[in-house]
Amino acid sequence: MIAEPKKWVKEFKKAGCDLYCFHYEAAETSTAATEPSESSSEKTNSRDMIKYIHAQGLRAGIAIKPKTPVDVLYEILDNEEKEAVPDMVLVMTVEPGFGGQKFMADMMPKVEALRKRYPDLNIEVDGGLSEKTIDVAADAGANVIVAGSAVFGAKDPSEVISKLREAVEKRR
């Protein structure tokens, strides 16, 4: 999780990024500075972040940590100002910080609630995903996944990727 997410949007774009995902919790407590070397006393928020990301020509994603209630996203997602609406929501299924953590299945009601309310939304899950946990996430409505340790720790990463992709695609 980046503490000052607005500062890094342009740098990520320069590096070739086409979707910039930030944590709701970071945006709600950070400044409006738009350069790594800048500081600002002006505060930002998630809506402003999304608009700024879109203004840079990128798609915007917003992530929530396990302890954050999903309903904080509803006001953002229901916004009539389309440039302030994210293209994707990420539900963290571990506490951010390091790889190899155990999948938190108790986060799936958040995914289910988002899928029910926003059937066309890209919903990503990140943390503890593997061949053993992918079905739970896909059944809940996740259609975008991050599986770092499961892939990079595998003897055959391409086989794991294929199985994870297949699990998500068969539920579309």
Protein backbone atom coordinates (compact mmCIF):
# COMPACT_ATOMS: atom_id res chain seq x y z
CA MET A 1 0.00 0.00 0.00
CA ILE A 2 1.37 3.40 -0.97
CA ALA A 3 0.86 6.06 1.72
CA GLU A 4 0.69 9.02 -0.70
CA PRO A 5 -0.90 7.42 -3.79
CA LYS A 6 -1.56 10.60 -5.76
CA LYS A 7 2.17 11.39 -5.89
CA TRP A 8 2.92 8.26 -7.91
CA VAL A 9 0.26 8.20 -10.64
CA LYS A 10 2.41 9.94 -13.28
CA GLU A 11 5.44 7.77 -12.46
CA PHE A 12 3.42 4.58 -12.84
CA LYS A 13 2.04 5.86 -16.15
CA LYS A 14 5.58 6.58 -17.38
CA ALA A 15 6.51 3.01 -16.44
CA GLY A 16 3.73 1.66 -18.69
CA CYS A 17 0.89 1.19 -16.23
CA ASP A 18 -2.62 1.39 -17.71
CA LEU A 19 -4.60 0.83 -14.48
CA TYR A 20 -3.62 2.47 -11.21
CA CYS A 21 -5.16 0.94 -8.10
CA PHE A 22 -4.92 2.70 -4.75
CA HIS A 23 -6.14 1.91 -1.26
CA TYR A 24 -9.23 3.75 -0.09
CA GLU A 25 -7.66 4.06 3.35
CA ALA A 26 -4.54 5.76 1.96
CA ALA A 27 -6.46 8.21 -0.23
CA GLU A 28 -8.68 9.31 2.62
CA THR A 29 -5.66 10.23 4.76
CA SER A 30 -3.16 11.56 2.20
CA THR A 31 -2.32 14.88 0.60
CA ALA A 32 -3.12 16.22 -2.84
CA ALA A 33 0.55 16.40 -3.92
CA THR A 34 0.98 15.07 -7.47
CA GLU A 35 4.76 14.64 -7.66
CA PRO A 36 7.06 12.46 -5.51
CA SER A 37 9.16 15.51 -4.56
CA GLU A 38 6.13 17.66 -3.68
CA SER A 39 4.44 18.21 -0.38
CA SER A 40 1.02 19.70 0.19
CA SER A 41 -1.18 20.61 3.11
CA GLU A 42 -4.26 20.14 0.92
CA LYS A 43 -5.99 16.80 1.47
CA THR A 44 -7.33 14.46 -1.19
CA ASN A 45 -10.01 11.77 -1.15
CA SER A 46 -10.99 8.73 -3.18
CA ARG A 47 -13.20 10.59 -5.65
CA ASP A 48 -10.50 13.15 -6.36
CA MET A 49 -7.97 10.34 -6.77
CA ILE A 50 -10.16 8.53 -9.30
CA LYS A 51 -10.77 11.71 -11.28
CA TYR A 52 -7.04 12.48 -11.26
CA ILE A 53 -6.14 8.97 -12.44
CA HIS A 54 -8.69 9.16 -15.26
CA ALA A 55 -7.40 12.63 -16.23
CA GLN A 56 -3.96 11.03 -16.69
CA GLY A 57 -5.50 8.62 -19.23
CA LEU A 58 -5.43 5.60 -16.93
CA ARG A 59 -8.11 3.28 -15.64
CA ALA A 60 -8.67 3.58 -11.89
CA GLY A 61 -8.99 0.88 -9.27
CA ILE A 62 -9.79 1.27 -5.59
CA ALA A 63 -8.86 -1.28 -2.93
CA ILE A 64 -10.22 -1.88 0.54
CA LYS A 65 -8.41 -3.60 3.38
CA PRO A 66 -10.06 -6.44 5.32
CA LYS A 67 -11.21 -4.25 8.22
CA THR A 68 -12.82 -1.64 5.96
CA PRO A 69 -16.56 -2.13 5.42
CA VAL A 70 -17.62 -2.57 1.81
CA ASP A 71 -20.31 0.08 2.08
CA VAL A 72 -17.67 2.85 2.01
CA LEU A 73 -17.48 2.08 -1.71
CA TYR A 74 -21.18 2.47 -2.49
CA GLU A 75 -21.20 6.27 -2.50
CA ILE A 76 -18.13 6.23 -4.77
CA LEU A 77 -19.55 3.60 -7.14
CA ASP A 78 -23.01 5.19 -7.27
CA ASN A 79 -21.62 8.60 -8.25
CA GLU A 80 -23.28 10.07 -11.34
CA GLU A 81 -20.04 11.84 -12.23
CA LYS A 82 -18.57 8.99 -14.31
CA GLU A 83 -14.98 10.26 -14.21
CA ALA A 84 -15.15 9.84 -10.41
CA VAL A 85 -16.21 6.17 -10.60
CA PRO A 86 -13.52 3.46 -10.50
CA ASP A 87 -13.12 0.90 -13.26
CA MET A 88 -12.32 -1.84 -10.76
CA VAL A 89 -12.64 -2.61 -7.06
CA LEU A 90 -10.08 -4.71 -5.20
CA VAL A 91 -11.12 -6.55 -2.05
CA MET A 92 -8.02 -7.49 -0.09
CA THR A 93 -8.22 -11.05 1.23
CA VAL A 94 -5.13 -10.60 3.43
CA GLU A 95 -3.75 -7.67 5.37
CA PRO A 96 -1.45 -5.81 2.94
CA GLY A 97 2.26 -6.08 3.57
CA PHE A 98 3.81 -9.36 2.51
CA GLY A 99 3.15 -12.45 0.41
CA GLY A 100 2.30 -15.96 1.46
CA GLN A 101 -0.51 -15.09 3.86
CA LYS A 102 -3.60 -17.24 4.38
CA PHE A 103 -6.71 -16.44 2.32
CA MET A 104 -9.42 -14.74 4.38
CA ALA A 105 -12.62 -16.39 3.16
CA ASP A 106 -14.61 -14.14 5.48
CA MET A 107 -14.03 -11.33 2.96
CA MET A 108 -16.23 -13.08 0.36
CA PRO A 109 -19.47 -11.46 1.58
CA LYS A 110 -17.93 -8.14 0.45
CA VAL A 111 -17.33 -9.59 -3.02
CA GLU A 112 -20.85 -11.05 -3.11
CA ALA A 113 -22.40 -7.72 -2.09
CA LEU A 114 -20.46 -5.86 -4.77
CA ARG A 115 -21.35 -8.42 -7.46
CA LYS A 116 -25.03 -8.31 -6.55
CA ARG A 117 -25.17 -4.52 -6.57
CA TYR A 118 -22.82 -3.96 -9.56
CA PRO A 119 -23.11 -6.96 -11.94
CA ASP A 120 -20.76 -5.47 -14.57
CA LEU A 121 -18.05 -4.24 -12.19
CA ASN A 122 -14.56 -5.73 -12.35
CA ILE A 123 -14.00 -7.13 -8.87
CA GLU A 124 -10.49 -8.19 -7.97
CA VAL A 125 -9.33 -10.23 -4.99
CA ASP A 126 -5.73 -10.27 -3.77
CA GLY A 127 -4.20 -12.37 -1.07
CA GLY A 128 -3.87 -16.07 -0.38
CA LEU A 129 -5.31 -17.15 -3.70
CA SER A 130 -4.35 -20.59 -4.93
CA GLU A 131 -5.87 -23.60 -6.64
CA LYS A 132 -7.45 -24.43 -3.26
CA THR A 133 -9.10 -21.02 -2.73
CA ILE A 134 -9.90 -19.79 -6.24
CA ASP A 135 -13.30 -21.47 -6.44
CA VAL A 136 -14.51 -19.66 -3.30
CA ALA A 137 -13.42 -16.30 -4.73
CA ALA A 138 -14.83 -16.96 -8.21
CA ASP A 139 -18.13 -18.25 -6.81
CA ALA A 140 -18.45 -15.06 -4.76
CA GLY A 141 -18.12 -12.98 -7.93
CA ALA A 142 -14.45 -12.11 -8.30
CA ASN A 143 -13.47 -11.88 -11.96
CA VAL A 144 -9.94 -10.47 -11.54
CA ILE A 145 -7.37 -12.19 -9.34
CA VAL A 146 -3.88 -11.68 -7.98
CA ALA A 147 -2.02 -14.85 -7.04
CA GLY A 148 1.62 -14.01 -6.35
CA SER A 149 2.87 -16.76 -4.04
CA ALA A 150 0.76 -19.47 -5.68
CA VAL A 151 2.27 -18.67 -9.07
CA PHE A 152 5.84 -17.77 -8.21
CA GLY A 153 6.20 -20.60 -5.70
CA ALA A 154 4.91 -23.24 -8.13
CA LYS A 155 7.01 -25.80 -9.97
CA ASP A 156 5.01 -25.00 -13.10
CA PRO A 157 3.73 -21.40 -12.89
CA SER A 158 2.00 -21.56 -16.29
CA GLU A 159 -0.06 -24.56 -15.16
CA VAL A 160 -1.19 -22.74 -12.02
CA ILE A 161 -2.07 -19.63 -14.04
CA SER A 162 -4.13 -21.73 -16.45
CA LYS A 163 -6.06 -23.39 -13.62
CA LEU A 164 -6.74 -20.10 -11.87
CA ARG A 165 -7.84 -18.43 -15.10
CA GLU A 166 -10.09 -21.36 -16.00
CA ALA A 167 -11.79 -21.25 -12.58
CA VAL A 168 -12.68 -17.58 -13.05
CA GLU A 169 -13.65 -17.81 -16.73
CA LYS A 170 -16.05 -20.74 -16.29
CA ARG A 171 -18.17 -18.55 -14.02
CA ARG A 172 -18.64 -15.71 -16.50
